[in-house]
N, C-alpha and C. Protein backbone atom coordinates (compact mmCIF):
# COMPACT_ATOMS: atom_id res chain seq x y z
N MET A 1 111.56 235.28 163.67
CA MET A 1 112.70 235.56 164.41
C MET A 1 113.44 234.25 164.60
N SER A 2 114.78 234.25 164.40
CA SER A 2 115.53 233.04 164.56
C SER A 2 115.93 232.75 166.03
N LEU A 3 116.34 231.57 166.29
CA LEU A 3 116.69 231.21 167.67
C LEU A 3 118.00 231.93 168.07
N LYS A 4 118.86 232.13 167.08
CA LYS A 4 120.05 232.87 167.36
C LYS A 4 119.83 234.35 167.79
N THR A 5 118.92 234.91 167.12
CA THR A 5 118.55 236.36 167.44
C THR A 5 117.94 236.43 168.78
N LEU A 6 117.05 235.37 169.07
CA LEU A 6 116.32 235.38 170.44
C LEU A 6 117.33 235.20 171.60
N THR A 7 118.32 234.35 171.43
CA THR A 7 119.29 234.10 172.52
C THR A 7 120.28 235.16 172.68
N THR A 8 120.57 235.90 171.65
CA THR A 8 121.58 236.98 171.79
C THR A 8 120.98 238.37 171.96
N SER A 9 119.71 238.47 171.88
CA SER A 9 119.06 239.76 172.06
C SER A 9 119.18 240.18 173.54
N PRO A 10 119.56 241.49 173.80
CA PRO A 10 119.55 242.00 175.18
C PRO A 10 118.22 241.94 175.86
N LEU A 11 117.16 242.12 175.08
CA LEU A 11 115.85 242.09 175.71
C LEU A 11 115.48 240.64 176.25
N SER A 12 115.96 239.66 175.55
CA SER A 12 115.58 238.30 176.04
C SER A 12 116.46 237.96 177.21
N GLY A 13 117.63 238.53 177.37
CA GLY A 13 118.50 238.38 178.57
C GLY A 13 117.79 239.05 179.77
N ILE A 14 117.25 240.20 179.50
CA ILE A 14 116.59 240.91 180.63
C ILE A 14 115.38 240.12 181.05
N THR A 15 114.65 239.59 180.13
CA THR A 15 113.41 238.87 180.35
C THR A 15 113.72 237.70 181.20
N VAL A 16 114.79 236.87 180.84
CA VAL A 16 115.25 235.73 181.58
C VAL A 16 115.64 236.18 182.99
N LEU A 17 116.35 237.23 183.15
CA LEU A 17 116.81 237.70 184.42
C LEU A 17 115.53 238.08 185.34
N VAL A 18 114.61 238.76 184.82
CA VAL A 18 113.44 239.16 185.49
C VAL A 18 112.65 237.85 185.91
N LEU A 19 112.56 236.96 185.08
CA LEU A 19 111.89 235.65 185.36
C LEU A 19 112.60 234.90 186.48
N LEU A 20 113.91 234.86 186.46
CA LEU A 20 114.67 234.17 187.52
C LEU A 20 114.47 234.97 188.83
N LEU A 21 114.58 236.28 188.82
CA LEU A 21 114.35 237.10 190.04
C LEU A 21 112.93 236.83 190.62
N ALA A 22 111.91 236.80 189.71
CA ALA A 22 110.57 236.58 190.20
C ALA A 22 110.37 235.26 190.87
N LEU A 23 110.98 234.19 190.25
CA LEU A 23 110.97 232.81 190.86
C LEU A 23 111.65 232.84 192.18
N LEU A 24 112.91 233.49 192.27
CA LEU A 24 113.59 233.53 193.52
C LEU A 24 112.75 234.23 194.58
N LEU A 25 112.16 235.32 194.24
CA LEU A 25 111.41 236.16 195.21
C LEU A 25 110.16 235.29 195.65
N ARG A 26 109.55 234.62 194.74
CA ARG A 26 108.40 233.85 195.11
C ARG A 26 108.81 232.70 196.05
N PHE A 27 109.96 232.13 195.86
CA PHE A 27 110.40 231.06 196.76
C PHE A 27 110.70 231.61 198.18
N TYR A 28 111.41 232.79 198.21
CA TYR A 28 111.76 233.48 199.34
C TYR A 28 110.54 233.81 200.21
N ILE A 29 109.59 234.51 199.58
CA ILE A 29 108.40 234.87 200.27
C ILE A 29 107.60 233.74 200.77
N LYS A 30 107.56 232.67 199.95
CA LYS A 30 106.83 231.45 200.43
C LYS A 30 107.54 230.79 201.60
N PHE A 31 108.85 230.76 201.54
CA PHE A 31 109.66 230.20 202.70
C PHE A 31 109.44 230.98 203.89
N ASP A 32 109.56 232.38 203.76
CA ASP A 32 109.49 233.19 204.92
C ASP A 32 108.15 233.19 205.59
N THR A 33 107.05 232.92 204.95
CA THR A 33 105.82 232.89 205.60
C THR A 33 105.35 231.49 206.04
N ALA A 34 106.06 230.50 205.62
CA ALA A 34 105.75 229.19 205.92
C ALA A 34 106.03 228.91 207.45
N GLU A 35 105.19 228.12 208.06
CA GLU A 35 105.42 227.66 209.49
C GLU A 35 106.48 226.69 209.42
N ARG A 36 107.34 226.64 210.42
CA ARG A 36 108.46 225.75 210.47
C ARG A 36 108.50 224.93 211.66
N LEU A 37 109.12 223.70 211.63
CA LEU A 37 109.30 222.89 212.72
C LEU A 37 110.78 223.02 213.16
N PHE A 38 110.97 223.25 214.40
CA PHE A 38 112.40 223.37 214.88
C PHE A 38 112.69 222.26 215.96
N SER A 39 113.92 221.93 215.90
CA SER A 39 114.42 220.91 216.97
C SER A 39 114.96 221.83 218.05
N ALA A 40 115.18 221.18 219.23
CA ALA A 40 115.70 222.02 220.33
C ALA A 40 117.04 222.49 220.03
N GLU A 41 117.83 221.67 219.28
CA GLU A 41 119.19 222.04 218.88
C GLU A 41 119.21 223.26 217.95
N GLU A 42 118.34 223.26 217.01
CA GLU A 42 118.21 224.34 216.04
C GLU A 42 117.84 225.63 216.79
N LEU A 43 116.79 225.44 217.72
CA LEU A 43 116.38 226.68 218.38
C LEU A 43 117.47 227.24 219.31
N SER A 44 118.28 226.32 219.90
CA SER A 44 119.35 226.88 220.76
C SER A 44 120.43 227.65 220.09
N LEU A 45 120.53 227.62 218.82
CA LEU A 45 121.55 228.36 218.07
C LEU A 45 121.01 229.79 217.79
N LEU A 46 119.67 230.02 217.98
CA LEU A 46 119.05 231.23 217.69
C LEU A 46 118.73 232.02 219.01
N ASN A 47 119.80 232.18 219.87
CA ASN A 47 119.64 232.62 221.18
C ASN A 47 120.13 234.04 221.39
N GLY A 48 120.52 234.76 220.31
CA GLY A 48 120.90 236.17 220.41
C GLY A 48 122.46 236.38 220.49
N THR A 49 123.17 235.22 220.43
CA THR A 49 124.67 235.43 220.49
C THR A 49 125.24 235.76 219.20
N ASP A 50 124.61 235.33 218.08
CA ASP A 50 125.09 235.62 216.71
C ASP A 50 124.26 236.81 216.13
N GLU A 51 124.97 237.90 215.94
CA GLU A 51 124.29 239.13 215.43
C GLU A 51 123.62 238.95 214.07
N GLY A 52 124.10 238.00 213.33
CA GLY A 52 123.54 237.81 211.94
C GLY A 52 122.32 236.88 211.93
N LEU A 53 121.94 236.31 213.08
CA LEU A 53 120.79 235.38 213.07
C LEU A 53 119.63 236.00 213.87
N PRO A 54 118.47 235.51 213.63
CA PRO A 54 117.28 236.06 214.36
C PRO A 54 117.33 235.52 215.82
N ILE A 55 116.65 236.14 216.64
CA ILE A 55 116.51 235.64 218.07
C ILE A 55 115.10 235.07 218.20
N LEU A 56 115.09 233.73 218.61
CA LEU A 56 113.76 233.07 218.77
C LEU A 56 113.60 232.59 220.17
N LEU A 57 112.32 232.50 220.58
CA LEU A 57 112.08 231.84 221.85
C LEU A 57 110.82 230.98 221.67
N GLY A 58 110.78 229.99 222.57
CA GLY A 58 109.60 229.11 222.51
C GLY A 58 108.85 229.21 223.85
N ILE A 59 107.52 229.09 223.71
CA ILE A 59 106.63 229.03 224.92
C ILE A 59 105.53 228.07 224.52
N LEU A 60 105.31 227.05 225.41
CA LEU A 60 104.40 226.01 225.14
C LEU A 60 104.54 225.41 223.77
N GLY A 61 105.81 225.33 223.25
CA GLY A 61 106.05 224.74 221.99
C GLY A 61 105.86 225.66 220.72
N SER A 62 105.35 226.79 220.92
CA SER A 62 105.16 227.81 219.85
C SER A 62 106.40 228.62 219.85
N VAL A 63 106.94 228.92 218.61
CA VAL A 63 108.28 229.62 218.50
C VAL A 63 107.98 230.99 217.88
N PHE A 64 108.58 232.02 218.51
CA PHE A 64 108.38 233.37 218.04
C PHE A 64 109.79 234.06 217.79
N ASP A 65 109.76 234.97 216.80
CA ASP A 65 110.91 235.76 216.48
C ASP A 65 110.79 237.06 217.29
N VAL A 66 111.73 237.13 218.24
CA VAL A 66 111.72 238.32 219.17
C VAL A 66 112.89 239.20 218.85
N THR A 67 113.42 239.11 217.64
CA THR A 67 114.59 239.96 217.17
C THR A 67 114.26 241.46 217.40
N LYS A 68 113.03 241.84 217.18
CA LYS A 68 112.68 243.33 217.26
C LYS A 68 112.91 243.76 218.69
N GLY A 69 112.97 242.92 219.66
CA GLY A 69 113.23 243.16 221.08
C GLY A 69 114.66 242.84 221.41
N LYS A 70 115.62 242.97 220.50
CA LYS A 70 116.98 242.55 220.70
C LYS A 70 117.56 243.11 222.00
N SER A 71 117.21 244.31 222.39
CA SER A 71 117.85 244.85 223.58
C SER A 71 117.38 244.12 224.90
N HIS A 72 116.27 243.40 224.79
CA HIS A 72 115.76 242.66 225.91
C HIS A 72 116.14 241.13 225.78
N TYR A 73 116.07 240.61 224.56
CA TYR A 73 116.26 239.17 224.41
C TYR A 73 117.65 238.91 223.87
N GLY A 74 118.44 239.77 223.41
CA GLY A 74 119.85 239.58 222.93
C GLY A 74 120.78 239.41 224.06
N SER A 75 122.08 239.07 223.65
CA SER A 75 123.08 238.94 224.73
C SER A 75 123.10 240.18 225.71
N GLY A 76 123.11 239.89 226.95
CA GLY A 76 123.18 240.97 227.96
C GLY A 76 121.77 241.46 228.31
N GLY A 77 120.74 241.10 227.52
CA GLY A 77 119.37 241.58 227.83
C GLY A 77 118.80 240.94 229.03
N GLY A 78 117.84 241.62 229.64
CA GLY A 78 117.27 241.08 230.84
C GLY A 78 116.41 239.89 230.59
N TYR A 79 115.97 239.57 229.40
CA TYR A 79 115.19 238.38 229.12
C TYR A 79 115.91 237.41 228.22
N ASN A 80 117.30 237.55 228.14
CA ASN A 80 118.03 236.72 227.32
C ASN A 80 117.92 235.17 227.76
N HIS A 81 117.61 234.92 229.03
CA HIS A 81 117.48 233.51 229.49
C HIS A 81 116.37 232.84 228.74
N PHE A 82 115.37 233.51 228.10
CA PHE A 82 114.31 232.93 227.37
C PHE A 82 114.69 232.53 225.93
N ALA A 83 115.73 233.25 225.36
CA ALA A 83 116.08 233.09 224.04
C ALA A 83 116.72 231.77 223.66
N GLY A 84 116.32 231.24 222.52
CA GLY A 84 116.94 229.98 222.08
C GLY A 84 116.48 228.76 222.80
N ARG A 85 115.20 228.81 223.39
CA ARG A 85 114.77 227.64 224.19
C ARG A 85 113.26 227.81 224.50
N ASP A 86 112.69 226.78 224.93
CA ASP A 86 111.33 226.89 225.56
C ASP A 86 111.44 226.78 227.02
N ALA A 87 111.38 227.86 227.69
CA ALA A 87 111.50 228.00 229.19
C ALA A 87 110.06 228.38 229.80
N SER A 88 109.11 227.71 229.32
CA SER A 88 107.68 228.08 229.74
C SER A 88 107.53 228.18 231.26
N ARG A 89 108.13 227.26 231.96
CA ARG A 89 107.92 227.25 233.44
C ARG A 89 108.41 228.63 234.08
N ALA A 90 109.56 229.13 233.52
CA ALA A 90 110.10 230.37 234.08
C ALA A 90 109.24 231.48 233.99
N PHE A 91 108.27 231.51 233.10
CA PHE A 91 107.36 232.65 232.94
C PHE A 91 106.57 232.83 234.22
N VAL A 92 106.31 231.75 235.04
CA VAL A 92 105.60 232.04 236.24
C VAL A 92 106.41 231.68 237.54
N SER A 93 107.47 230.89 237.32
CA SER A 93 108.26 230.45 238.53
C SER A 93 109.24 231.50 238.92
N GLY A 94 109.73 232.25 237.93
CA GLY A 94 110.72 233.33 238.19
C GLY A 94 112.08 232.72 238.39
N ASN A 95 112.25 231.40 238.17
CA ASN A 95 113.53 230.70 238.27
C ASN A 95 114.26 230.72 236.92
N PHE A 96 115.22 231.58 236.82
CA PHE A 96 115.86 231.84 235.46
C PHE A 96 117.21 231.11 235.34
N SER A 97 117.38 230.07 236.07
CA SER A 97 118.64 229.36 236.00
C SER A 97 118.36 227.84 236.09
N GLY A 98 119.26 227.08 235.58
CA GLY A 98 119.26 225.63 235.66
C GLY A 98 117.93 224.99 235.50
N ASP A 99 117.36 224.32 236.41
CA ASP A 99 116.19 223.59 236.33
C ASP A 99 114.93 224.43 236.09
N GLY A 100 115.03 225.73 236.30
CA GLY A 100 113.91 226.59 236.13
C GLY A 100 113.66 226.94 234.66
N LEU A 101 114.64 226.73 233.82
CA LEU A 101 114.55 227.08 232.39
C LEU A 101 114.17 225.87 231.66
N THR A 102 112.98 225.42 231.93
CA THR A 102 112.41 224.12 231.30
C THR A 102 111.02 224.41 230.73
N ASP A 103 110.63 223.47 229.81
CA ASP A 103 109.30 223.55 229.29
C ASP A 103 108.28 222.68 230.07
N SER A 104 108.79 222.07 231.11
CA SER A 104 107.93 221.16 231.95
C SER A 104 107.17 221.99 232.87
N LEU A 105 105.80 221.76 232.99
CA LEU A 105 104.84 222.49 233.85
C LEU A 105 104.45 221.56 235.02
N ARG A 106 105.10 220.48 235.19
CA ARG A 106 104.73 219.52 236.28
C ARG A 106 104.71 220.19 237.66
N GLY A 107 103.58 220.02 238.36
CA GLY A 107 103.43 220.66 239.72
C GLY A 107 102.99 221.99 239.72
N LEU A 108 102.71 222.67 238.62
CA LEU A 108 102.14 224.00 238.60
C LEU A 108 100.66 223.97 238.82
N SER A 109 100.11 224.94 239.43
CA SER A 109 98.72 225.00 239.64
C SER A 109 97.96 225.40 238.36
N SER A 110 96.67 225.18 238.26
CA SER A 110 95.92 225.51 236.95
C SER A 110 95.97 226.98 236.69
N THR A 111 96.00 227.85 237.76
CA THR A 111 96.03 229.32 237.54
C THR A 111 97.43 229.71 237.02
N GLU A 112 98.47 229.04 237.48
CA GLU A 112 99.80 229.20 236.96
C GLU A 112 99.96 228.85 235.42
N VAL A 113 99.34 227.69 235.14
CA VAL A 113 99.32 227.21 233.71
C VAL A 113 98.55 228.23 232.84
N LYS A 114 97.49 228.75 233.40
CA LYS A 114 96.66 229.75 232.71
C LYS A 114 97.48 230.98 232.40
N SER A 115 98.25 231.35 233.32
CA SER A 115 99.18 232.54 233.20
C SER A 115 100.22 232.29 232.05
N ILE A 116 100.70 231.11 231.94
CA ILE A 116 101.60 230.82 230.84
C ILE A 116 100.93 230.83 229.53
N VAL A 117 99.74 230.30 229.49
CA VAL A 117 98.93 230.39 228.21
C VAL A 117 98.71 231.86 227.80
N GLU A 118 98.47 232.67 228.77
CA GLU A 118 98.32 234.20 228.56
C GLU A 118 99.60 234.80 228.06
N TRP A 119 100.81 234.33 228.51
CA TRP A 119 102.01 234.85 228.01
C TRP A 119 102.18 234.43 226.57
N ARG A 120 101.78 233.21 226.21
CA ARG A 120 101.88 232.80 224.83
C ARG A 120 100.96 233.62 224.00
N ASP A 121 99.75 233.95 224.46
CA ASP A 121 98.92 234.85 223.66
C ASP A 121 99.53 236.21 223.49
N PHE A 122 100.29 236.70 224.56
CA PHE A 122 100.99 237.99 224.40
C PHE A 122 102.00 237.86 223.29
N TYR A 123 102.73 236.81 223.22
CA TYR A 123 103.76 236.68 222.17
C TYR A 123 103.04 236.60 220.78
N HIS A 124 101.95 235.95 220.68
CA HIS A 124 101.17 235.91 219.32
C HIS A 124 100.85 237.30 218.91
N LYS A 125 100.44 238.14 219.87
CA LYS A 125 100.05 239.51 219.52
C LYS A 125 101.21 240.50 219.27
N SER A 126 102.28 240.23 219.93
CA SER A 126 103.37 241.20 219.90
C SER A 126 104.55 240.83 218.97
N TYR A 127 104.73 239.60 218.71
CA TYR A 127 105.93 239.11 217.87
C TYR A 127 105.44 238.24 216.77
N LYS A 128 106.31 237.95 215.89
CA LYS A 128 106.01 237.12 214.75
C LYS A 128 106.09 235.64 215.11
N TYR A 129 105.01 234.91 214.91
CA TYR A 129 105.02 233.45 215.10
C TYR A 129 105.76 232.83 213.97
N VAL A 130 106.81 231.98 214.24
CA VAL A 130 107.51 231.34 213.12
C VAL A 130 107.39 229.81 213.04
N GLY A 131 106.80 229.24 214.07
CA GLY A 131 106.77 227.75 213.95
C GLY A 131 106.49 227.08 215.34
N LYS A 132 106.79 225.77 215.30
CA LYS A 132 106.61 224.98 216.40
C LYS A 132 107.96 224.21 216.78
N LEU A 133 108.14 224.00 218.09
CA LEU A 133 109.21 223.28 218.67
C LEU A 133 108.81 221.76 218.79
N VAL A 134 109.55 220.94 218.16
CA VAL A 134 109.21 219.47 218.23
C VAL A 134 109.66 218.93 219.58
N GLY A 135 108.80 218.34 220.24
CA GLY A 135 109.19 217.86 221.58
C GLY A 135 107.94 217.59 222.42
N ARG A 136 107.95 218.24 223.68
CA ARG A 136 106.88 218.01 224.63
C ARG A 136 105.52 218.41 224.12
N TYR A 137 105.40 219.48 223.35
CA TYR A 137 104.12 220.10 222.95
C TYR A 137 103.69 219.68 221.51
N TYR A 138 104.62 219.42 220.62
CA TYR A 138 104.29 219.17 219.27
C TYR A 138 105.14 217.92 218.83
N ASP A 139 104.47 217.05 218.03
CA ASP A 139 105.24 215.86 217.51
C ASP A 139 105.99 216.26 216.22
N SER A 140 106.66 215.28 215.70
CA SER A 140 107.55 215.55 214.52
C SER A 140 106.78 216.02 213.26
N GLN A 141 105.48 215.81 213.20
CA GLN A 141 104.62 216.29 212.21
C GLN A 141 104.02 217.69 212.47
N GLY A 142 104.24 218.27 213.61
CA GLY A 142 103.69 219.54 214.06
C GLY A 142 102.34 219.44 214.62
N ASN A 143 101.89 218.21 215.01
CA ASN A 143 100.60 218.05 215.61
C ASN A 143 100.70 218.20 217.10
N PRO A 144 99.68 218.84 217.79
CA PRO A 144 99.71 218.99 219.23
C PRO A 144 99.83 217.57 219.95
N THR A 145 100.59 217.55 220.98
CA THR A 145 100.66 216.30 221.75
C THR A 145 99.56 216.27 222.80
N LYS A 146 99.40 215.10 223.43
CA LYS A 146 98.45 214.99 224.56
C LYS A 146 98.90 215.97 225.69
N TYR A 147 100.15 216.22 225.84
CA TYR A 147 100.61 217.10 226.91
C TYR A 147 100.17 218.53 226.66
N LEU A 148 100.21 218.95 225.41
CA LEU A 148 99.65 220.36 225.10
C LEU A 148 98.18 220.36 225.34
N LYS A 149 97.46 219.35 224.96
CA LYS A 149 95.98 219.26 225.19
C LYS A 149 95.72 219.34 226.61
N GLY A 150 96.48 218.61 227.43
CA GLY A 150 96.35 218.65 228.80
C GLY A 150 96.63 220.05 229.51
N VAL A 151 97.64 220.68 228.95
CA VAL A 151 97.93 222.04 229.37
C VAL A 151 96.80 222.95 229.12
N GLU A 152 96.30 222.90 227.90
CA GLU A 152 95.13 223.76 227.49
C GLU A 152 93.91 223.49 228.44
N ALA A 153 93.64 222.26 228.79
CA ALA A 153 92.56 221.93 229.62
C ALA A 153 92.77 222.44 231.04
N LYS A 154 94.00 222.28 231.53
CA LYS A 154 94.32 222.70 232.87
C LYS A 154 94.19 224.32 233.00
N ALA A 155 94.53 224.96 231.89
CA ALA A 155 94.46 226.42 231.82
C ALA A 155 92.95 226.91 231.82
N ALA A 156 92.14 226.08 231.19
CA ALA A 156 90.72 226.39 231.18
C ALA A 156 90.18 226.16 232.59
N ARG A 157 90.61 225.18 233.34
CA ARG A 157 90.18 224.95 234.75
C ARG A 157 90.62 226.16 235.54
N GLY A 158 91.83 226.61 235.32
CA GLY A 158 92.45 227.80 235.99
C GLY A 158 91.55 229.01 235.82
N ALA A 159 91.09 229.17 234.62
CA ALA A 159 90.22 230.44 234.29
C ALA A 159 88.85 230.24 235.00
N GLN A 160 88.35 229.07 235.04
CA GLN A 160 87.10 228.82 235.77
C GLN A 160 87.26 229.04 237.24
N LEU A 161 88.33 228.64 237.81
CA LEU A 161 88.71 228.87 239.24
C LEU A 161 88.78 230.36 239.54
N LEU A 162 89.45 231.07 238.73
CA LEU A 162 89.60 232.52 238.96
C LEU A 162 88.26 233.23 238.88
N GLU A 163 87.47 232.81 237.97
CA GLU A 163 86.13 233.43 237.85
C GLU A 163 85.27 233.13 239.07
N LYS A 164 85.32 231.90 239.52
CA LYS A 164 84.60 231.52 240.65
C LYS A 164 85.06 232.35 241.91
N GLN A 165 86.41 232.52 242.03
CA GLN A 165 86.99 233.31 243.13
C GLN A 165 86.55 234.72 243.04
N LYS A 166 86.49 235.29 241.85
CA LYS A 166 86.15 236.63 241.63
C LYS A 166 84.59 236.84 242.05
N ILE A 167 83.72 235.85 241.80
CA ILE A 167 82.38 235.87 242.18
C ILE A 167 82.23 235.83 243.74
N GLU A 168 83.07 234.95 244.37
CA GLU A 168 82.97 234.84 245.84
C GLU A 168 83.47 236.11 246.44
N GLU A 169 84.54 236.72 245.94
CA GLU A 169 85.05 237.98 246.47
C GLU A 169 84.02 239.12 246.38
N ALA A 170 83.31 239.12 245.32
CA ALA A 170 82.18 240.16 245.16
C ALA A 170 81.18 240.08 246.18
N LYS A 171 80.96 238.89 246.74
CA LYS A 171 79.87 238.63 247.78
C LYS A 171 80.33 239.25 249.16
N LEU A 172 81.69 239.39 249.32
CA LEU A 172 82.21 239.87 250.62
C LEU A 172 82.23 241.42 250.67
N PRO A 173 82.01 241.93 251.87
CA PRO A 173 82.12 243.45 251.98
C PRO A 173 83.61 243.86 251.78
N SER A 174 83.68 245.08 251.30
CA SER A 174 85.05 245.64 251.20
C SER A 174 85.66 246.03 252.49
N CYS A 175 86.87 246.08 252.67
CA CYS A 175 87.55 246.41 253.88
C CYS A 175 88.56 247.49 253.54
N ASN A 176 88.62 248.56 254.37
CA ASN A 176 89.51 249.57 254.20
C ASN A 176 90.35 249.76 255.44
N SER A 177 91.64 249.62 255.29
CA SER A 177 92.56 249.72 256.48
C SER A 177 93.63 250.72 256.16
N ARG A 178 94.14 251.30 257.29
CA ARG A 178 95.31 252.09 257.22
C ARG A 178 96.21 251.91 258.43
N TRP A 179 97.39 252.33 258.32
CA TRP A 179 98.30 252.14 259.39
C TRP A 179 99.37 253.22 259.31
N SER A 180 99.72 253.80 260.43
CA SER A 180 100.86 254.71 260.52
C SER A 180 101.57 254.51 261.86
N GLN A 181 102.84 254.75 261.95
CA GLN A 181 103.56 254.56 263.15
C GLN A 181 103.06 255.42 264.24
N ASP A 182 102.62 256.59 264.00
CA ASP A 182 102.18 257.57 264.97
C ASP A 182 100.82 257.14 265.53
N GLU A 183 99.89 256.88 264.65
CA GLU A 183 98.45 256.60 265.06
C GLU A 183 98.18 255.08 265.18
N GLY A 184 98.99 254.26 264.77
CA GLY A 184 98.66 252.75 264.81
C GLY A 184 97.68 252.41 263.58
N GLY A 185 96.93 251.41 263.77
CA GLY A 185 96.10 250.85 262.74
C GLY A 185 94.69 251.07 262.91
N GLU A 186 93.94 251.17 261.85
CA GLU A 186 92.48 251.22 261.88
C GLU A 186 91.91 250.51 260.67
N THR A 187 90.88 249.73 260.96
CA THR A 187 90.24 248.99 259.92
C THR A 187 88.73 249.35 259.90
N ARG A 188 88.19 249.63 258.70
CA ARG A 188 86.81 249.90 258.62
C ARG A 188 86.18 248.88 257.63
N LEU A 189 85.06 248.36 258.04
CA LEU A 189 84.37 247.40 257.22
C LEU A 189 83.39 248.25 256.43
N LEU A 190 83.39 248.25 255.07
CA LEU A 190 82.46 249.08 254.29
C LEU A 190 81.34 248.18 253.75
N LEU A 191 80.09 248.49 254.18
CA LEU A 191 78.99 247.68 253.87
C LEU A 191 78.15 248.29 252.73
């Protein structure tokens, strides 16, 4: 078969097209599944205001695609304040404006930090993990910072504290109380 026949044959054109399509698909699938590093500026653009872009949020530096929850995280949604940023502190503080929308956990108790770690676990189970936010929790290479390691240690202390509290409460007798305006109050100690 001559080179001229090979290049003008419809079959070879289809083969080349299929090959190009396969390479393109392979690149797209590889890109789509690869973990990505985000800057705060990049993340801020993915806040639900542009219908054509995904909605992302960060918690403890982990970035999740929450687009499937567009009614909650998109413009006008009740959780839109979390979109396009890492607002880890707000998950426990309830402060959804200004200084409350920060990734800083300074001053929070170990049990509050544990609660934020549990929120991150929730997002891992419920939404697609897409990468890491470079900053407080991950360096420019995507490695955990000392701050993240400190957060994890503080959350572990919070878990220990809650377990200890649970054991102490189990040692105390139960108390049953009731109150009504007509009869007043009554408390019974159940032993």
